[in-house]
Amino acid sequence: MSLDITLLGTDGTPKKQVSIGVDDHYRLTQLIGQSRGLLTRLNDYYADAEFEHAELDRLAEEVRTLLIRCAGDTALFSFLTGLGELIVEAKEEQKPLLAIAD
């Protein structure tokens, strides 16, 4: 089981996604801490979440900040890098990102 952050295609199925497993998710939530940022929507590993297109610039900034803080954690760094790339693509397509508990 993983938590998948997805960009949906025109047919409503995931076009592109990044996934995070439970152990990496735990480390992510510890890194996020008690911030009031958008990424706190991912705190519940078993719940879906959505990031609207209008929120993607702010989400990208949060991801950049976390990338600096987790440079020594290869798995988390890889997830956040992929999420950053997914944000860019979602912005270009003017679409939201969905977190789907799978």
PDB file of N, CA and C in Angstrom:
ATOM      1  N   MET A   1       0.847  -1.176   0.000  1.00  0.00           N
ATOM      2  CA  MET A   1       0.000   0.000   0.000  1.00  0.00           C
ATOM      3  C   MET A   1       0.894   1.242   0.000  1.00  0.00           C
ATOM      4  N   SER A   2       0.463   2.235  -0.727  1.00  0.00           N
ATOM      5  CA  SER A   2       1.207   3.492  -0.771  1.00  0.00           C
ATOM      6  C   SER A   2       0.230   4.654  -0.848  1.00  0.00           C
ATOM      7  N   LEU A   3       0.752   5.817  -0.590  1.00  0.00           N
ATOM      8  CA  LEU A   3      -0.001   7.052  -0.793  1.00  0.00           C
ATOM      9  C   LEU A   3       0.525   7.625  -2.100  1.00  0.00           C
ATOM     10  N   ASP A   4      -0.368   7.763  -3.071  1.00  0.00           N
ATOM     11  CA  ASP A   4       0.014   8.209  -4.407  1.00  0.00           C
ATOM     12  C   ASP A   4      -0.436   9.644  -4.631  1.00  0.00           C
ATOM     13  N   ILE A   5       0.480  10.483  -5.098  1.00  0.00           N
ATOM     14  CA  ILE A   5       0.141  11.836  -5.507  1.00  0.00           C
ATOM     15  C   ILE A   5       0.051  11.780  -7.033  1.00  0.00           C
ATOM     16  N   THR A   6      -1.109  12.128  -7.565  1.00  0.00           N
ATOM     17  CA  THR A   6      -1.344  11.902  -8.979  1.00  0.00           C
ATOM     18  C   THR A   6      -1.787  13.160  -9.718  1.00  0.00           C
ATOM     19  N   LEU A   7      -1.466  13.150 -10.991  1.00  0.00           N
ATOM     20  CA  LEU A   7      -1.976  14.107 -11.963  1.00  0.00           C
ATOM     21  C   LEU A   7      -2.853  13.283 -12.884  1.00  0.00           C
ATOM     22  N   LEU A   8      -4.137  13.620 -12.936  1.00  0.00           N
ATOM     23  CA  LEU A   8      -5.065  12.838 -13.738  1.00  0.00           C
ATOM     24  C   LEU A   8      -5.035  13.252 -15.194  1.00  0.00           C
ATOM     25  N   GLY A   9      -5.210  12.273 -16.058  1.00  0.00           N
ATOM     26  CA  GLY A   9      -5.317  12.528 -17.482  1.00  0.00           C
ATOM     27  C   GLY A   9      -6.736  12.924 -17.843  1.00  0.00           C
ATOM     28  N   THR A  10      -6.967  13.168 -19.095  1.00  0.00           N
ATOM     29  CA  THR A  10      -8.296  13.594 -19.555  1.00  0.00           C
ATOM     30  C   THR A  10      -9.354  12.517 -19.338  1.00  0.00           C
ATOM     31  N   ASP A  11      -8.940  11.254 -19.246  1.00  0.00           N
ATOM     32  CA  ASP A  11      -9.896  10.177 -19.023  1.00  0.00           C
ATOM     33  C   ASP A  11     -10.157   9.912 -17.543  1.00  0.00           C
ATOM     34  N   GLY A  12      -9.541  10.705 -16.660  1.00  0.00           N
ATOM     35  CA  GLY A  12      -9.767  10.577 -15.221  1.00  0.00           C
ATOM     36  C   GLY A  12      -8.908   9.540 -14.529  1.00  0.00           C
ATOM     37  N   THR A  13      -8.000   8.918 -15.257  1.00  0.00           N
ATOM     38  CA  THR A  13      -7.080   7.968 -14.646  1.00  0.00           C
ATOM     39  C   THR A  13      -5.726   8.645 -14.432  1.00  0.00           C
ATOM     40  N   PRO A  14      -4.935   8.123 -13.493  1.00  0.00           N
ATOM     41  CA  PRO A  14      -3.625   8.736 -13.253  1.00  0.00           C
ATOM     42  C   PRO A  14      -2.750   8.751 -14.494  1.00  0.00           C
ATOM     43  N   LYS A  15      -2.319   9.948 -14.851  1.00  0.00           N
ATOM     44  CA  LYS A  15      -1.421  10.133 -15.996  1.00  0.00           C
ATOM     45  C   LYS A  15       0.024   9.970 -15.542  1.00  0.00           C
ATOM     46  N   LYS A  16       0.290  10.514 -14.365  1.00  0.00           N
ATOM     47  CA  LYS A  16       1.631  10.475 -13.786  1.00  0.00           C
ATOM     48  C   LYS A  16       1.456  10.525 -12.279  1.00  0.00           C
ATOM     49  N   GLN A  17       2.352   9.873 -11.549  1.00  0.00           N
ATOM     50  CA  GLN A  17       2.223   9.870 -10.095  1.00  0.00           C
ATOM     51  C   GLN A  17       3.565   9.668  -9.418  1.00  0.00           C
ATOM     52  N   VAL A  18       3.613  10.055  -8.159  1.00  0.00           N
ATOM     53  CA  VAL A  18       4.713   9.712  -7.277  1.00  0.00           C
ATOM     54  C   VAL A  18       4.076   9.052  -6.062  1.00  0.00           C
ATOM     55  N   SER A  19       4.766   8.074  -5.506  1.00  0.00           N
ATOM     56  CA  SER A  19       4.214   7.306  -4.397  1.00  0.00           C
ATOM     57  C   SER A  19       5.157   7.339  -3.217  1.00  0.00           C
ATOM     58  N   ILE A  20       4.557   7.203  -2.031  1.00  0.00           N
ATOM     59  CA  ILE A  20       5.343   7.166  -0.805  1.00  0.00           C
ATOM     60  C   ILE A  20       4.798   6.043   0.067  1.00  0.00           C
ATOM     61  N   GLY A  21       5.709   5.230   0.582  1.00  0.00           N
ATOM     62  CA  GLY A  21       5.336   4.136   1.473  1.00  0.00           C
ATOM     63  C   GLY A  21       5.187   4.621   2.911  1.00  0.00           C
ATOM     64  N   VAL A  22       4.708   3.739   3.748  1.00  0.00           N
ATOM     65  CA  VAL A  22       4.369   4.115   5.118  1.00  0.00           C
ATOM     66  C   VAL A  22       5.583   4.588   5.922  1.00  0.00           C
ATOM     67  N   ASP A  23       6.727   3.927   5.797  1.00  0.00           N
ATOM     68  CA  ASP A  23       7.905   4.338   6.566  1.00  0.00           C
ATOM     69  C   ASP A  23       8.411   5.712   6.134  1.00  0.00           C
ATOM     70  N   ASP A  24       8.469   5.932   4.820  1.00  0.00           N
ATOM     71  CA  ASP A  24       8.896   7.234   4.308  1.00  0.00           C
ATOM     72  C   ASP A  24       7.861   8.308   4.662  1.00  0.00           C
ATOM     73  N   HIS A  25       6.596   7.929   4.634  1.00  0.00           N
ATOM     74  CA  HIS A  25       5.531   8.872   5.006  1.00  0.00           C
ATOM     75  C   HIS A  25       5.692   9.327   6.450  1.00  0.00           C
ATOM     76  N   TYR A  26       6.023   8.402   7.325  1.00  0.00           N
ATOM     77  CA  TYR A  26       6.233   8.765   8.730  1.00  0.00           C
ATOM     78  C   TYR A  26       7.360   9.803   8.847  1.00  0.00           C
ATOM     79  N   ARG A  27       8.458   9.569   8.146  1.00  0.00           N
ATOM     80  CA  ARG A  27       9.571  10.528   8.190  1.00  0.00           C
ATOM     81  C   ARG A  27       9.147  11.870   7.590  1.00  0.00           C
ATOM     82  N   LEU A  28       8.322  11.834   6.547  1.00  0.00           N
ATOM     83  CA  LEU A  28       7.821  13.079   5.959  1.00  0.00           C
ATOM     84  C   LEU A  28       6.986  13.854   6.963  1.00  0.00           C
ATOM     85  N   THR A  29       6.092  13.182   7.664  1.00  0.00           N
ATOM     86  CA  THR A  29       5.246  13.891   8.631  1.00  0.00           C
ATOM     87  C   THR A  29       6.086  14.461   9.773  1.00  0.00           C
ATOM     88  N   GLN A  30       7.148  13.769  10.144  1.00  0.00           N
ATOM     89  CA  GLN A  30       8.042  14.306  11.171  1.00  0.00           C
ATOM     90  C   GLN A  30       8.763  15.550  10.665  1.00  0.00           C
ATOM     91  N   LEU A  31       9.132  15.536   9.413  1.00  0.00           N
ATOM     92  CA  LEU A  31       9.813  16.678   8.803  1.00  0.00           C
ATOM     93  C   LEU A  31       8.871  17.875   8.679  1.00  0.00           C
ATOM     94  N   ILE A  32       7.637  17.606   8.306  1.00  0.00           N
ATOM     95  CA  ILE A  32       6.642  18.670   8.182  1.00  0.00           C
ATOM     96  C   ILE A  32       6.329  19.259   9.552  1.00  0.00           C
ATOM     97  N   GLY A  33       6.262  18.391  10.566  1.00  0.00           N
ATOM     98  CA  GLY A  33       5.987  18.839  11.924  1.00  0.00           C
ATOM     99  C   GLY A  33       4.602  19.435  12.062  1.00  0.00           C
ATOM    100  N   GLN A  34       4.513  20.455  12.844  1.00  0.00           N
ATOM    101  CA  GLN A  34       3.230  21.100  13.131  1.00  0.00           C
ATOM    102  C   GLN A  34       3.006  22.331  12.268  1.00  0.00           C
ATOM    103  N   SER A  35       3.661  22.387  11.125  1.00  0.00           N
ATOM    104  CA  SER A  35       3.486  23.545  10.248  1.00  0.00           C
ATOM    105  C   SER A  35       2.029  23.644   9.819  1.00  0.00           C
ATOM    106  N   ARG A  36       1.667  24.769   9.307  1.00  0.00           N
ATOM    107  CA  ARG A  36       0.312  24.965   8.810  1.00  0.00           C
ATOM    108  C   ARG A  36       0.288  24.963   7.291  1.00  0.00           C
ATOM    109  N   GLY A  37       1.300  24.341   6.725  1.00  0.00           N
ATOM    110  CA  GLY A  37       1.428  24.322   5.281  1.00  0.00           C
ATOM    111  C   GLY A  37       0.476  23.355   4.611  1.00  0.00           C
ATOM    112  N   LEU A  38       0.487  23.394   3.304  1.00  0.00           N
ATOM    113  CA  LEU A  38      -0.383  22.543   2.503  1.00  0.00           C
ATOM    114  C   LEU A  38      -0.047  21.065   2.653  1.00  0.00           C
ATOM    115  N   LEU A  39       1.219  20.753   2.848  1.00  0.00           N
ATOM    116  CA  LEU A  39       1.617  19.353   2.946  1.00  0.00           C
ATOM    117  C   LEU A  39       1.062  18.654   4.176  1.00  0.00           C
ATOM    118  N   THR A  40       0.553  19.392   5.136  1.00  0.00           N
ATOM    119  CA  THR A  40      -0.076  18.745   6.293  1.00  0.00           C
ATOM    120  C   THR A  40      -1.321  17.968   5.873  1.00  0.00           C
ATOM    121  N   ARG A  41      -1.839  18.234   4.694  1.00  0.00           N
ATOM    122  CA  ARG A  41      -2.979  17.452   4.179  1.00  0.00           C
ATOM    123  C   ARG A  41      -2.602  15.988   3.974  1.00  0.00           C
ATOM    124  N   LEU A  42      -1.306  15.718   3.921  1.00  0.00           N
ATOM    125  CA  LEU A  42      -0.837  14.353   3.739  1.00  0.00           C
ATOM    126  C   LEU A  42      -0.590  13.636   5.062  1.00  0.00           C
ATOM    127  N   ASN A  43      -0.857  14.282   6.174  1.00  0.00           N
ATOM    128  CA  ASN A  43      -0.556  13.676   7.471  1.00  0.00           C
ATOM    129  C   ASN A  43      -1.267  12.352   7.701  1.00  0.00           C
ATOM    130  N   ASP A  44      -2.481  12.201   7.185  1.00  0.00           N
ATOM    131  CA  ASP A  44      -3.206  10.938   7.342  1.00  0.00           C
ATOM    132  C   ASP A  44      -2.900  10.057   6.142  1.00  0.00           C
ATOM    133  N   TYR A  45      -2.116   9.032   6.366  1.00  0.00           N
ATOM    134  CA  TYR A  45      -1.666   8.134   5.304  1.00  0.00           C
ATOM    135  C   TYR A  45      -2.830   7.438   4.602  1.00  0.00           C
ATOM    136  N   TYR A  46      -3.939   7.307   5.300  1.00  0.00           N
ATOM    137  CA  TYR A  46      -5.077   6.550   4.770  1.00  0.00           C
ATOM    138  C   TYR A  46      -6.201   7.442   4.240  1.00  0.00           C
ATOM    139  N   ALA A  47      -5.928   8.712   4.041  1.00  0.00           N
ATOM    140  CA  ALA A  47      -6.960   9.639   3.570  1.00  0.00           C
ATOM    141  C   ALA A  47      -6.541  10.284   2.253  1.00  0.00           C
ATOM    142  N   ASP A  48      -7.525  10.533   1.415  1.00  0.00           N
ATOM    143  CA  ASP A  48      -7.279  11.256   0.170  1.00  0.00           C
ATOM    144  C   ASP A  48      -7.171  12.749   0.460  1.00  0.00           C
ATOM    145  N   ALA A  49      -6.532  13.471  -0.428  1.00  0.00           N
ATOM    146  CA  ALA A  49      -6.393  14.931  -0.295  1.00  0.00           C
ATOM    147  C   ALA A  49      -6.296  15.521  -1.696  1.00  0.00           C
ATOM    148  N   GLU A  50      -6.505  16.831  -1.778  1.00  0.00           N
ATOM    149  CA  GLU A  50      -6.408  17.511  -3.071  1.00  0.00           C
ATOM    150  C   GLU A  50      -5.655  18.818  -2.904  1.00  0.00           C
ATOM    151  N   PHE A  51      -4.863  19.136  -3.910  1.00  0.00           N
ATOM    152  CA  PHE A  51      -4.162  20.411  -3.997  1.00  0.00           C
ATOM    153  C   PHE A  51      -4.660  21.101  -5.253  1.00  0.00           C
ATOM    154  N   GLU A  52      -5.409  22.170  -5.083  1.00  0.00           N
ATOM    155  CA  GLU A  52      -5.976  22.904  -6.209  1.00  0.00           C
ATOM    156  C   GLU A  52      -4.870  23.560  -7.031  1.00  0.00           C
ATOM    157  N   HIS A  53      -5.164  23.806  -8.291  1.00  0.00           N
ATOM    158  CA  HIS A  53      -4.190  24.444  -9.177  1.00  0.00           C
ATOM    159  C   HIS A  53      -3.686  25.762  -8.582  1.00  0.00           C
ATOM    160  N   ALA A  54      -4.562  26.536  -7.991  1.00  0.00           N
ATOM    161  CA  ALA A  54      -4.183  27.834  -7.425  1.00  0.00           C
ATOM    162  C   ALA A  54      -3.223  27.698  -6.242  1.00  0.00           C
ATOM    163  N   GLU A  55      -3.105  26.529  -5.660  1.00  0.00           N
ATOM    164  CA  GLU A  55      -2.227  26.302  -4.502  1.00  0.00           C
ATOM    165  C   GLU A  55      -0.851  25.764  -4.886  1.00  0.00           C
ATOM    166  N   LEU A  56      -0.645  25.461  -6.144  1.00  0.00           N
ATOM    167  CA  LEU A  56       0.567  24.744  -6.543  1.00  0.00           C
ATOM    168  C   LEU A  56       1.856  25.542  -6.365  1.00  0.00           C
ATOM    169  N   ASP A  57       1.831  26.862  -6.541  1.00  0.00           N
ATOM    170  CA  ASP A  57       3.048  27.656  -6.300  1.00  0.00           C
ATOM    171  C   ASP A  57       3.469  27.553  -4.836  1.00  0.00           C
ATOM    172  N   ARG A  58       2.508  27.672  -3.960  1.00  0.00           N
ATOM    173  CA  ARG A  58       2.796  27.559  -2.519  1.00  0.00           C
ATOM    174  C   ARG A  58       3.277  26.152  -2.175  1.00  0.00           C
ATOM    175  N   LEU A  59       2.653  25.145  -2.768  1.00  0.00           N
ATOM    176  CA  LEU A  59       3.067  23.764  -2.538  1.00  0.00           C
ATOM    177  C   LEU A  59       4.496  23.541  -3.024  1.00  0.00           C
ATOM    178  N   ALA A  60       4.832  24.085  -4.173  1.00  0.00           N
ATOM    179  CA  ALA A  60       6.191  23.962  -4.708  1.00  0.00           C
ATOM    180  C   ALA A  60       7.210  24.581  -3.756  1.00  0.00           C
ATOM    181  N   GLU A  61       6.877  25.702  -3.165  1.00  0.00           N
ATOM    182  CA  GLU A  61       7.786  26.345  -2.208  1.00  0.00           C
ATOM    183  C   GLU A  61       7.992  25.466  -0.970  1.00  0.00           C
ATOM    184  N   GLU A  62       6.933  24.860  -0.488  1.00  0.00           N
ATOM    185  CA  GLU A  62       7.057  23.952   0.656  1.00  0.00           C
ATOM    186  C   GLU A  62       7.961  22.776   0.310  1.00  0.00           C
ATOM    187  N   VAL A  63       7.799  22.236  -0.879  1.00  0.00           N
ATOM    188  CA  VAL A  63       8.620  21.104  -1.313  1.00  0.00           C
ATOM    189  C   VAL A  63      10.090  21.523  -1.395  1.00  0.00           C
ATOM    190  N   ARG A  64      10.369  22.682  -1.950  1.00  0.00           N
ATOM    191  CA  ARG A  64      11.762  23.168  -2.036  1.00  0.00           C
ATOM    192  C   ARG A  64      12.379  23.302  -0.646  1.00  0.00           C
ATOM    193  N   THR A  65      11.622  23.803   0.295  1.00  0.00           N
ATOM    194  CA  THR A  65      12.119  23.954   1.665  1.00  0.00           C
ATOM    195  C   THR A  65      12.437  22.592   2.285  1.00  0.00           C
ATOM    196  N   LEU A  66      11.552  21.625   2.083  1.00  0.00           N
ATOM    197  CA  LEU A  66      11.771  20.297   2.639  1.00  0.00           C
ATOM    198  C   LEU A  66      12.933  19.579   1.972  1.00  0.00           C
ATOM    199  N   LEU A  67      13.151  19.815   0.687  1.00  0.00           N
ATOM    200  CA  LEU A  67      14.280  19.194  -0.012  1.00  0.00           C
ATOM    201  C   LEU A  67      15.604  19.576   0.635  1.00  0.00           C
ATOM    202  N   ILE A  68      15.719  20.806   1.050  1.00  0.00           N
ATOM    203  CA  ILE A  68      16.940  21.265   1.721  1.00  0.00           C
ATOM    204  C   ILE A  68      17.104  20.548   3.053  1.00  0.00           C
ATOM    205  N   ARG A  69      16.000  20.362   3.757  1.00  0.00           N
ATOM    206  CA  ARG A  69      16.039  19.769   5.097  1.00  0.00           C
ATOM    207  C   ARG A  69      16.235  18.258   5.087  1.00  0.00           C
ATOM    208  N   CYS A  70      15.968  17.587   3.966  1.00  0.00           N
ATOM    209  CA  CYS A  70      16.065  16.124   3.973  1.00  0.00           C
ATOM    210  C   CYS A  70      17.129  15.605   3.019  1.00  0.00           C
ATOM    211  N   ALA A  71      18.101  16.409   2.690  1.00  0.00           N
ATOM    212  CA  ALA A  71      19.105  16.032   1.682  1.00  0.00           C
ATOM    213  C   ALA A  71      19.785  14.701   1.995  1.00  0.00           C
ATOM    214  N   GLY A  72      19.903  14.315   3.248  1.00  0.00           N
ATOM    215  CA  GLY A  72      20.559  13.064   3.615  1.00  0.00           C
ATOM    216  C   GLY A  72      19.662  11.844   3.563  1.00  0.00           C
ATOM    217  N   ASP A  73      18.377  12.023   3.348  1.00  0.00           N
ATOM    218  CA  ASP A  73      17.410  10.924   3.305  1.00  0.00           C
ATOM    219  C   ASP A  73      17.076  10.643   1.842  1.00  0.00           C
ATOM    220  N   THR A  74      17.753   9.665   1.266  1.00  0.00           N
ATOM    221  CA  THR A  74      17.646   9.404  -0.170  1.00  0.00           C
ATOM    222  C   THR A  74      16.212   9.150  -0.621  1.00  0.00           C
ATOM    223  N   ALA A  75      15.478   8.310   0.084  1.00  0.00           N
ATOM    224  CA  ALA A  75      14.117   7.959  -0.328  1.00  0.00           C
ATOM    225  C   ALA A  75      13.191   9.167  -0.260  1.00  0.00           C
ATOM    226  N   LEU A  76      13.267   9.921   0.812  1.00  0.00           N
ATOM    227  CA  LEU A  76      12.420  11.098   0.970  1.00  0.00           C
ATOM    228  C   LEU A  76      12.804  12.181  -0.033  1.00  0.00           C
ATOM    229  N   PHE A  77      14.096  12.346  -0.258  1.00  0.00           N
ATOM    230  CA  PHE A  77      14.577  13.313  -1.245  1.00  0.00           C
ATOM    231  C   PHE A  77      14.057  12.948  -2.632  1.00  0.00           C
ATOM    232  N   SER A  78      14.072  11.671  -2.964  1.00  0.00           N
ATOM    233  CA  SER A  78      13.584  11.210  -4.261  1.00  0.00           C
ATOM    234  C   SER A  78      12.085  11.463  -4.401  1.00  0.00           C
ATOM    235  N   PHE A  79      11.313  11.171  -3.359  1.00  0.00           N
ATOM    236  CA  PHE A  79       9.871  11.430  -3.395  1.00  0.00           C
ATOM    237  C   PHE A  79       9.591  12.909  -3.599  1.00  0.00           C
ATOM    238  N   LEU A  80      10.255  13.755  -2.835  1.00  0.00           N
ATOM    239  CA  LEU A  80      10.013  15.201  -2.929  1.00  0.00           C
ATOM    240  C   LEU A  80      10.466  15.763  -4.281  1.00  0.00           C
ATOM    241  N   THR A  81      11.546  15.228  -4.826  1.00  0.00           N
ATOM    242  CA  THR A  81      11.988  15.653  -6.147  1.00  0.00           C
ATOM    243  C   THR A  81      10.925  15.298  -7.181  1.00  0.00           C
ATOM    244  N   GLY A  82      10.408  14.080  -7.105  1.00  0.00           N
ATOM    245  CA  GLY A  82       9.346  13.663  -8.008  1.00  0.00           C
ATOM    246  C   GLY A  82       8.089  14.491  -7.840  1.00  0.00           C
ATOM    247  N   LEU A  83       7.755  14.818  -6.599  1.00  0.00           N
ATOM    248  CA  LEU A  83       6.594  15.660  -6.336  1.00  0.00           C
ATOM    249  C   LEU A  83       6.794  17.042  -6.939  1.00  0.00           C
ATOM    250  N   GLY A  84       7.986  17.582  -6.814  1.00  0.00           N
ATOM    251  CA  GLY A  84       8.287  18.886  -7.414  1.00  0.00           C
ATOM    252  C   GLY A  84       8.098  18.868  -8.922  1.00  0.00           C
ATOM    253  N   GLU A  85       8.548  17.796  -9.564  1.00  0.00           N
ATOM    254  CA  GLU A  85       8.384  17.667 -11.017  1.00  0.00           C
ATOM    255  C   GLU A  85       6.908  17.527 -11.393  1.00  0.00           C
ATOM    256  N   LEU A  86       6.161  16.806 -10.568  1.00  0.00           N
ATOM    257  CA  LEU A  86       4.731  16.630 -10.807  1.00  0.00           C
ATOM    258  C   LEU A  86       3.982  17.954 -10.663  1.00  0.00           C
ATOM    259  N   ILE A  87       4.406  18.771  -9.710  1.00  0.00           N
ATOM    260  CA  ILE A  87       3.801  20.098  -9.522  1.00  0.00           C
ATOM    261  C   ILE A  87       4.010  20.950 -10.769  1.00  0.00           C
ATOM    262  N   VAL A  88       5.209  20.931 -11.305  1.00  0.00           N
ATOM    263  CA  VAL A  88       5.494  21.701 -12.523  1.00  0.00           C
ATOM    264  C   VAL A  88       4.568  21.269 -13.652  1.00  0.00           C
ATOM    265  N   GLU A  89       4.423  19.970 -13.825  1.00  0.00           N
ATOM    266  CA  GLU A  89       3.562  19.466 -14.898  1.00  0.00           C
ATOM    267  C   GLU A  89       2.099  19.845 -14.656  1.00  0.00           C
ATOM    268  N   ALA A  90       1.641  19.741 -13.416  1.00  0.00           N
ATOM    269  CA  ALA A  90       0.253  20.114 -13.097  1.00  0.00           C
ATOM    270  C   ALA A  90       0.018  21.601 -13.346  1.00  0.00           C
ATOM    271  N   LYS A  91       1.012  22.432 -13.023  1.00  0.00           N
ATOM    272  CA  LYS A  91       0.875  23.862 -13.279  1.00  0.00           C
ATOM    273  C   LYS A  91       0.771  24.130 -14.775  1.00  0.00           C
ATOM    274  N   GLU A  92       1.602  23.459 -15.558  1.00  0.00           N
ATOM    275  CA  GLU A  92       1.570  23.648 -17.011  1.00  0.00           C
ATOM    276  C   GLU A  92       0.222  23.239 -17.598  1.00  0.00           C
ATOM    277  N   GLU A  93      -0.372  22.192 -17.051  1.00  0.00           N
ATOM    278  CA  GLU A  93      -1.655  21.696 -17.552  1.00  0.00           C
ATOM    279  C   GLU A  93      -2.853  22.354 -16.858  1.00  0.00           C
ATOM    280  N   GLN A  94      -2.550  23.200 -15.874  1.00  0.00           N
ATOM    281  CA  GLN A  94      -3.582  23.906 -15.104  1.00  0.00           C
ATOM    282  C   GLN A  94      -4.563  22.924 -14.471  1.00  0.00           C
ATOM    283  N   LYS A  95      -4.003  21.922 -13.809  1.00  0.00           N
ATOM    284  CA  LYS A  95      -4.790  20.881 -13.148  1.00  0.00           C
ATOM    285  C   LYS A  95      -4.394  20.760 -11.694  1.00  0.00           C
ATOM    286  N   PRO A  96      -5.277  20.221 -10.863  1.00  0.00           N
ATOM    287  CA  PRO A  96      -4.936  19.975  -9.470  1.00  0.00           C
ATOM    288  C   PRO A  96      -4.125  18.678  -9.345  1.00  0.00           C
ATOM    289  N   LEU A  97      -3.581  18.458  -8.167  1.00  0.00           N
ATOM    290  CA  LEU A  97      -2.959  17.190  -7.827  1.00  0.00           C
ATOM    291  C   LEU A  97      -3.830  16.513  -6.780  1.00  0.00           C
ATOM    292  N   LEU A  98      -3.927  15.208  -6.874  1.00  0.00           N
ATOM    293  CA  LEU A  98      -4.712  14.443  -5.928  1.00  0.00           C
ATOM    294  C   LEU A  98      -3.816  13.477  -5.178  1.00  0.00           C
ATOM    295  N   ALA A  99      -4.040  13.371  -3.887  1.00  0.00           N
ATOM    296  CA  ALA A  99      -3.391  12.348  -3.078  1.00  0.00           C
ATOM    297  C   ALA A  99      -4.417  11.253  -2.878  1.00  0.00           C
ATOM    298  N   ILE A 100      -4.069  10.055  -3.311  1.00  0.00           N
ATOM    299  CA  ILE A 100      -4.993   8.941  -3.254  1.00  0.00           C
ATOM    300  C   ILE A 100      -4.376   7.838  -2.387  1.00  0.00           C
ATOM    301  N   ALA A 101      -5.052   7.532  -1.288  1.00  0.00           N
ATOM    302  CA  ALA A 101      -4.598   6.440  -0.439  1.00  0.00           C
ATOM    303  C   ALA A 101      -4.930   5.136  -1.158  1.00  0.00           C
ATOM    304  N   ASP A 102      -3.912   4.399  -1.523  1.00  0.00           N
ATOM    305  CA  ASP A 102      -4.101   3.222  -2.357  1.00  0.00           C
ATOM    306  C   ASP A 102      -3.964   1.964  -1.537  1.00  0.00           C
TER     307      ASP A 102
END
